[in-house]
Amino acid sequence: MVGTIRFEGNKMIIAFLDGNELPVPLAWYPKLYYATPLQLSQWHVVGTGNIRWPELDEYISVADLIS
C-alpha cells in the first residue's frame, strides 16, 4: 500500500507502508512532468494502491509499475 509520494528532480518516489520505495521517471507521465509543485502534491490513493491526481486527470496503477 502506498504511504507517501515525493518528487526529486525528474523522479517520483513512491514510498510504501512496508518501507520499500519505487523511483519512477516523470518522463513516463508528461502530465506530472509539466505539473506545478502544488498540482503534484494533490494526489490520493484509490482502491488498493492506485494513485490519482484529479486536477491533472492522471491515474497510475502501482501494480503495473511493479510487474
PDB file of N, CA and C in Angstrom:
ATOM      1  N   MET A   1       0.838  -1.180   0.000  1.00  0.00           N
ATOM      2  CA  MET A   1       0.000   0.000   0.000  1.00  0.00           C
ATOM      3  C   MET A   1       0.881   1.240   0.000  1.00  0.00           C
ATOM      4  N   VAL A   2       0.495   2.230  -0.773  1.00  0.00           N
ATOM      5  CA  VAL A   2       1.244   3.476  -0.888  1.00  0.00           C
ATOM      6  C   VAL A   2       1.140   4.267   0.409  1.00  0.00           C
ATOM      7  N   GLY A   3       2.290   4.741   0.884  1.00  0.00           N
ATOM      8  CA  GLY A   3       2.318   5.573   2.080  1.00  0.00           C
ATOM      9  C   GLY A   3       2.437   7.043   1.726  1.00  0.00           C
ATOM     10  N   THR A   4       3.505   7.378   1.007  1.00  0.00           N
ATOM     11  CA  THR A   4       3.734   8.768   0.611  1.00  0.00           C
ATOM     12  C   THR A   4       4.332   8.809  -0.787  1.00  0.00           C
ATOM     13  N   ILE A   5       4.318  10.002  -1.340  1.00  0.00           N
ATOM     14  CA  ILE A   5       4.962  10.251  -2.626  1.00  0.00           C
ATOM     15  C   ILE A   5       5.761  11.538  -2.481  1.00  0.00           C
ATOM     16  N   ARG A   6       6.991  11.505  -2.992  1.00  0.00           N
ATOM     17  CA  ARG A   6       7.786  12.725  -3.025  1.00  0.00           C
ATOM     18  C   ARG A   6       8.402  12.849  -4.418  1.00  0.00           C
ATOM     19  N   PHE A   7       8.786  14.050  -4.738  1.00  0.00           N
ATOM     20  CA  PHE A   7       9.355  14.328  -6.051  1.00  0.00           C
ATOM     21  C   PHE A   7      10.753  14.876  -5.871  1.00  0.00           C
ATOM     22  N   GLU A   8      11.710  14.251  -6.559  1.00  0.00           N
ATOM     23  CA  GLU A   8      13.111  14.651  -6.501  1.00  0.00           C
ATOM     24  C   GLU A   8      13.626  14.768  -7.928  1.00  0.00           C
ATOM     25  N   GLY A   9      13.918  15.986  -8.334  1.00  0.00           N
ATOM     26  CA  GLY A   9      14.383  16.192  -9.703  1.00  0.00           C
ATOM     27  C   GLY A   9      13.331  15.739 -10.683  1.00  0.00           C
ATOM     28  N   ASN A  10      13.701  14.842 -11.566  1.00  0.00           N
ATOM     29  CA  ASN A  10      12.769  14.320 -12.573  1.00  0.00           C
ATOM     30  C   ASN A  10      12.237  12.953 -12.202  1.00  0.00           C
ATOM     31  N   LYS A  11      12.179  12.666 -10.897  1.00  0.00           N
ATOM     32  CA  LYS A  11      11.676  11.372 -10.439  1.00  0.00           C
ATOM     33  C   LYS A  11      10.567  11.548  -9.418  1.00  0.00           C
ATOM     34  N   MET A  12       9.649  10.609  -9.431  1.00  0.00           N
ATOM     35  CA  MET A  12       8.643  10.480  -8.398  1.00  0.00           C
ATOM     36  C   MET A  12       9.051   9.267  -7.571  1.00  0.00           C
ATOM     37  N   ILE A  13       9.131   9.431  -6.274  1.00  0.00           N
ATOM     38  CA  ILE A  13       9.495   8.342  -5.384  1.00  0.00           C
ATOM     39  C   ILE A  13       8.236   7.913  -4.630  1.00  0.00           C
ATOM     40  N   ILE A  14       7.781   6.705  -4.899  1.00  0.00           N
ATOM     41  CA  ILE A  14       6.623   6.165  -4.213  1.00  0.00           C
ATOM     42  C   ILE A  14       7.136   5.360  -3.029  1.00  0.00           C
ATOM     43  N   ALA A  15       6.749   5.783  -1.827  1.00  0.00           N
ATOM     44  CA  ALA A  15       7.156   5.089  -0.602  1.00  0.00           C
ATOM     45  C   ALA A  15       5.979   4.257  -0.108  1.00  0.00           C
ATOM     46  N   PHE A  16       6.227   2.992   0.099  1.00  0.00           N
ATOM     47  CA  PHE A  16       5.190   2.075   0.554  1.00  0.00           C
ATOM     48  C   PHE A  16       5.205   1.960   2.072  1.00  0.00           C
ATOM     49  N   LEU A  17       4.097   1.536   2.631  1.00  0.00           N
ATOM     50  CA  LEU A  17       3.976   1.418   4.080  1.00  0.00           C
ATOM     51  C   LEU A  17       4.964   0.421   4.675  1.00  0.00           C
ATOM     52  N   ASP A  18       5.439  -0.533   3.863  1.00  0.00           N
ATOM     53  CA  ASP A  18       6.402  -1.519   4.371  1.00  0.00           C
ATOM     54  C   ASP A  18       7.845  -1.003   4.356  1.00  0.00           C
ATOM     55  N   GLY A  19       8.034   0.253   3.929  1.00  0.00           N
ATOM     56  CA  GLY A  19       9.366   0.849   3.922  1.00  0.00           C
ATOM     57  C   GLY A  19      10.065   0.821   2.575  1.00  0.00           C
ATOM     58  N   ASN A  20       9.586   0.033   1.638  1.00  0.00           N
ATOM     59  CA  ASN A  20      10.189  -0.002   0.302  1.00  0.00           C
ATOM     60  C   ASN A  20       9.842   1.266  -0.470  1.00  0.00           C
ATOM     61  N   GLU A  21      10.719   1.605  -1.413  1.00  0.00           N
ATOM     62  CA  GLU A  21      10.500   2.773  -2.260  1.00  0.00           C
ATOM     63  C   GLU A  21      10.679   2.388  -3.719  1.00  0.00           C
ATOM     64  N   LEU A  22       9.915   3.048  -4.569  1.00  0.00           N
ATOM     65  CA  LEU A  22       9.976   2.801  -6.003  1.00  0.00           C
ATOM     66  C   LEU A  22      10.178   4.128  -6.727  1.00  0.00           C
ATOM     67  N   PRO A  23      11.367   4.347  -7.325  1.00  0.00           N
ATOM     68  CA  PRO A  23      11.572   5.564  -8.109  1.00  0.00           C
ATOM     69  C   PRO A  23      10.976   5.387  -9.511  1.00  0.00           C
ATOM     70  N   VAL A  24      10.285   6.413  -9.973  1.00  0.00           N
ATOM     71  CA  VAL A  24       9.628   6.366 -11.278  1.00  0.00           C
ATOM     72  C   VAL A  24       9.998   7.634 -12.043  1.00  0.00           C
ATOM     73  N   PRO A  25      10.510   7.512 -13.268  1.00  0.00           N
ATOM     74  CA  PRO A  25      10.831   8.703 -14.053  1.00  0.00           C
ATOM     75  C   PRO A  25       9.561   9.490 -14.402  1.00  0.00           C
ATOM     76  N   LEU A  26       9.585  10.785 -14.145  1.00  0.00           N
ATOM     77  CA  LEU A  26       8.433  11.613 -14.500  1.00  0.00           C
ATOM     78  C   LEU A  26       8.228  11.684 -16.008  1.00  0.00           C
ATOM     79  N   ALA A  27       9.255  11.413 -16.774  1.00  0.00           N
ATOM     80  CA  ALA A  27       9.120  11.423 -18.237  1.00  0.00           C
ATOM     81  C   ALA A  27       8.086  10.406 -18.719  1.00  0.00           C
ATOM     82  N   TRP A  28       7.819   9.383 -17.919  1.00  0.00           N
ATOM     83  CA  TRP A  28       6.802   8.403 -18.271  1.00  0.00           C
ATOM     84  C   TRP A  28       5.403   8.994 -18.202  1.00  0.00           C
ATOM     85  N   TYR A  29       5.249  10.084 -17.461  1.00  0.00           N
ATOM     86  CA  TYR A  29       3.939  10.693 -17.225  1.00  0.00           C
ATOM     87  C   TYR A  29       4.023  12.194 -17.499  1.00  0.00           C
ATOM     88  N   PRO A  30       3.868  12.611 -18.764  1.00  0.00           N
ATOM     89  CA  PRO A  30       4.016  14.028 -19.126  1.00  0.00           C
ATOM     90  C   PRO A  30       3.144  14.986 -18.313  1.00  0.00           C
ATOM     91  N   LYS A  31       1.945  14.561 -17.944  1.00  0.00           N
ATOM     92  CA  LYS A  31       1.090  15.452 -17.147  1.00  0.00           C
ATOM     93  C   LYS A  31       1.737  15.768 -15.809  1.00  0.00           C
ATOM     94  N   LEU A  32       2.416  14.791 -15.233  1.00  0.00           N
ATOM     95  CA  LEU A  32       3.116  15.022 -13.975  1.00  0.00           C
ATOM     96  C   LEU A  32       4.410  15.799 -14.201  1.00  0.00           C
ATOM     97  N   TYR A  33       5.096  15.494 -15.274  1.00  0.00           N
ATOM     98  CA  TYR A  33       6.365  16.149 -15.591  1.00  0.00           C
ATOM     99  C   TYR A  33       6.197  17.664 -15.685  1.00  0.00           C
ATOM    100  N   TYR A  34       5.094  18.101 -16.294  1.00  0.00           N
ATOM    101  CA  TYR A  34       4.854  19.529 -16.507  1.00  0.00           C
ATOM    102  C   TYR A  34       3.979  20.169 -15.429  1.00  0.00           C
ATOM    103  N   ALA A  35       3.610  19.426 -14.421  1.00  0.00           N
ATOM    104  CA  ALA A  35       2.747  19.951 -13.365  1.00  0.00           C
ATOM    105  C   ALA A  35       3.521  20.845 -12.396  1.00  0.00           C
ATOM    106  N   THR A  36       2.786  21.702 -11.719  1.00  0.00           N
ATOM    107  CA  THR A  36       3.387  22.558 -10.692  1.00  0.00           C
ATOM    108  C   THR A  36       3.564  21.740  -9.402  1.00  0.00           C
ATOM    109  N   PRO A  37       4.418  22.208  -8.496  1.00  0.00           N
ATOM    110  CA  PRO A  37       4.547  21.514  -7.207  1.00  0.00           C
ATOM    111  C   PRO A  37       3.206  21.382  -6.474  1.00  0.00           C
ATOM    112  N   LEU A  38       2.374  22.401  -6.551  1.00  0.00           N
ATOM    113  CA  LEU A  38       1.063  22.325  -5.899  1.00  0.00           C
ATOM    114  C   LEU A  38       0.210  21.228  -6.535  1.00  0.00           C
ATOM    115  N   GLN A  39       0.193  21.164  -7.847  1.00  0.00           N
ATOM    116  CA  GLN A  39      -0.570  20.111  -8.529  1.00  0.00           C
ATOM    117  C   GLN A  39      -0.040  18.726  -8.163  1.00  0.00           C
ATOM    118  N   LEU A  40       1.261  18.584  -8.107  1.00  0.00           N
ATOM    119  CA  LEU A  40       1.858  17.289  -7.761  1.00  0.00           C
ATOM    120  C   LEU A  40       1.488  16.856  -6.345  1.00  0.00           C
ATOM    121  N   SER A  41       1.315  17.795  -5.469  1.00  0.00           N
ATOM    122  CA  SER A  41       1.011  17.464  -4.074  1.00  0.00           C
ATOM    123  C   SER A  41      -0.432  17.028  -3.863  1.00  0.00           C
ATOM    124  N   GLN A  42      -1.281  17.189  -4.850  1.00  0.00           N
ATOM    125  CA  GLN A  42      -2.708  16.912  -4.696  1.00  0.00           C
ATOM    126  C   GLN A  42      -3.075  15.531  -5.239  1.00  0.00           C
ATOM    127  N   TRP A  43      -2.454  14.517  -4.700  1.00  0.00           N
ATOM    128  CA  TRP A  43      -2.692  13.132  -5.095  1.00  0.00           C
ATOM    129  C   TRP A  43      -3.447  12.418  -3.986  1.00  0.00           C
ATOM    130  N   HIS A  44      -4.071  11.316  -4.337  1.00  0.00           N
ATOM    131  CA  HIS A  44      -4.659  10.449  -3.328  1.00  0.00           C
ATOM    132  C   HIS A  44      -4.671   9.011  -3.834  1.00  0.00           C
ATOM    133  N   VAL A  45      -4.750   8.100  -2.887  1.00  0.00           N
ATOM    134  CA  VAL A  45      -4.759   6.675  -3.212  1.00  0.00           C
ATOM    135  C   VAL A  45      -6.193   6.250  -3.501  1.00  0.00           C
ATOM    136  N   VAL A  46      -6.345   5.483  -4.588  1.00  0.00           N
ATOM    137  CA  VAL A  46      -7.647   4.968  -4.990  1.00  0.00           C
ATOM    138  C   VAL A  46      -7.591   3.445  -4.937  1.00  0.00           C
ATOM    139  N   GLY A  47      -8.577   2.846  -4.333  1.00  0.00           N
ATOM    140  CA  GLY A  47      -8.624   1.385  -4.276  1.00  0.00           C
ATOM    141  C   GLY A  47      -7.508   0.816  -3.417  1.00  0.00           C
ATOM    142  N   THR A  48      -6.844  -0.188  -3.943  1.00  0.00           N
ATOM    143  CA  THR A  48      -5.835  -0.898  -3.154  1.00  0.00           C
ATOM    144  C   THR A  48      -4.411  -0.454  -3.452  1.00  0.00           C
ATOM    145  N   GLY A  49      -4.238   0.767  -3.917  1.00  0.00           N
ATOM    146  CA  GLY A  49      -2.880   1.248  -4.113  1.00  0.00           C
ATOM    147  C   GLY A  49      -2.644   1.975  -5.407  1.00  0.00           C
ATOM    148  N   ASN A  50      -3.677   2.384  -6.078  1.00  0.00           N
ATOM    149  CA  ASN A  50      -3.514   3.189  -7.278  1.00  0.00           C
ATOM    150  C   ASN A  50      -3.482   4.656  -6.877  1.00  0.00           C
ATOM    151  N   ILE A  51      -2.812   5.466  -7.684  1.00  0.00           N
ATOM    152  CA  ILE A  51      -2.610   6.864  -7.345  1.00  0.00           C
ATOM    153  C   ILE A  51      -3.324   7.731  -8.381  1.00  0.00           C
ATOM    154  N   ARG A  52      -3.999   8.767  -7.886  1.00  0.00           N
ATOM    155  CA  ARG A  52      -4.757   9.631  -8.790  1.00  0.00           C
ATOM    156  C   ARG A  52      -4.502  11.090  -8.453  1.00  0.00           C
ATOM    157  N   TRP A  53      -4.363  11.893  -9.512  1.00  0.00           N
ATOM    158  CA  TRP A  53      -4.291  13.344  -9.426  1.00  0.00           C
ATOM    159  C   TRP A  53      -5.522  13.873 -10.155  1.00  0.00           C
ATOM    160  N   PRO A  54      -6.616  14.152  -9.450  1.00  0.00           N
ATOM    161  CA  PRO A  54      -7.860  14.546 -10.112  1.00  0.00           C
ATOM    162  C   PRO A  54      -7.722  15.788 -10.988  1.00  0.00           C
ATOM    163  N   GLU A  55      -7.039  16.804 -10.500  1.00  0.00           N
ATOM    164  CA  GLU A  55      -6.913  18.045 -11.267  1.00  0.00           C
ATOM    165  C   GLU A  55      -6.167  17.823 -12.583  1.00  0.00           C
ATOM    166  N   LEU A  56      -5.219  16.915 -12.573  1.00  0.00           N
ATOM    167  CA  LEU A  56      -4.425  16.633 -13.769  1.00  0.00           C
ATOM    168  C   LEU A  56      -5.027  15.537 -14.637  1.00  0.00           C
ATOM    169  N   ASP A  57      -6.072  14.895 -14.137  1.00  0.00           N
ATOM    170  CA  ASP A  57      -6.685  13.764 -14.822  1.00  0.00           C
ATOM    171  C   ASP A  57      -5.643  12.677 -15.101  1.00  0.00           C
ATOM    172  N   GLU A  58      -4.834  12.382 -14.088  1.00  0.00           N
ATOM    173  CA  GLU A  58      -3.779  11.357 -14.190  1.00  0.00           C
ATOM    174  C   GLU A  58      -4.051  10.257 -13.174  1.00  0.00           C
ATOM    175  N   TYR A  59      -3.860   9.035 -13.616  1.00  0.00           N
ATOM    176  CA  TYR A  59      -4.102   7.853 -12.783  1.00  0.00           C
ATOM    177  C   TYR A  59      -2.970   6.882 -13.047  1.00  0.00           C
ATOM    178  N   ILE A  60      -2.346   6.388 -11.981  1.00  0.00           N
ATOM    179  CA  ILE A  60      -1.253   5.445 -12.120  1.00  0.00           C
ATOM    180  C   ILE A  60      -1.597   4.170 -11.362  1.00  0.00           C
ATOM    181  N   SER A  61      -1.459   3.061 -12.048  1.00  0.00           N
ATOM    182  CA  SER A  61      -1.641   1.767 -11.417  1.00  0.00           C
ATOM    183  C   SER A  61      -0.297   1.318 -10.855  1.00  0.00           C
ATOM    184  N   VAL A  62      -0.198   1.244  -9.554  1.00  0.00           N
ATOM    185  CA  VAL A  62       1.048   0.809  -8.925  1.00  0.00           C
ATOM    186  C   VAL A  62       1.361  -0.643  -9.298  1.00  0.00           C
ATOM    187  N   ALA A  63       0.345  -1.452  -9.412  1.00  0.00           N
ATOM    188  CA  ALA A  63       0.542  -2.856  -9.797  1.00  0.00           C
ATOM    189  C   ALA A  63       1.236  -2.940 -11.152  1.00  0.00           C
ATOM    190  N   ASP A  64       0.865  -2.069 -12.083  1.00  0.00           N
ATOM    191  CA  ASP A  64       1.518  -2.068 -13.412  1.00  0.00           C
ATOM    192  C   ASP A  64       2.981  -1.656 -13.307  1.00  0.00           C
ATOM    193  N   LEU A  65       3.295  -0.757 -12.399  1.00  0.00           N
ATOM    194  CA  LEU A  65       4.677  -0.309 -12.229  1.00  0.00           C
ATOM    195  C   LEU A  65       5.592  -1.404 -11.701  1.00  0.00           C
ATOM    196  N   ILE A  66       5.063  -2.243 -10.828  1.00  0.00           N
ATOM    197  CA  ILE A  66       5.927  -3.234 -10.184  1.00  0.00           C
ATOM    198  C   ILE A  66       5.889  -4.594 -10.871  1.00  0.00           C
ATOM    199  N   SER A  67       5.072  -4.732 -11.897  1.00  0.00           N
ATOM    200  CA  SER A  67       5.018  -6.039 -12.596  1.00  0.00           C
ATOM    201  C   SER A  67       5.950  -6.092 -13.780  1.00  0.00           C
TER     202      SER A  67
END
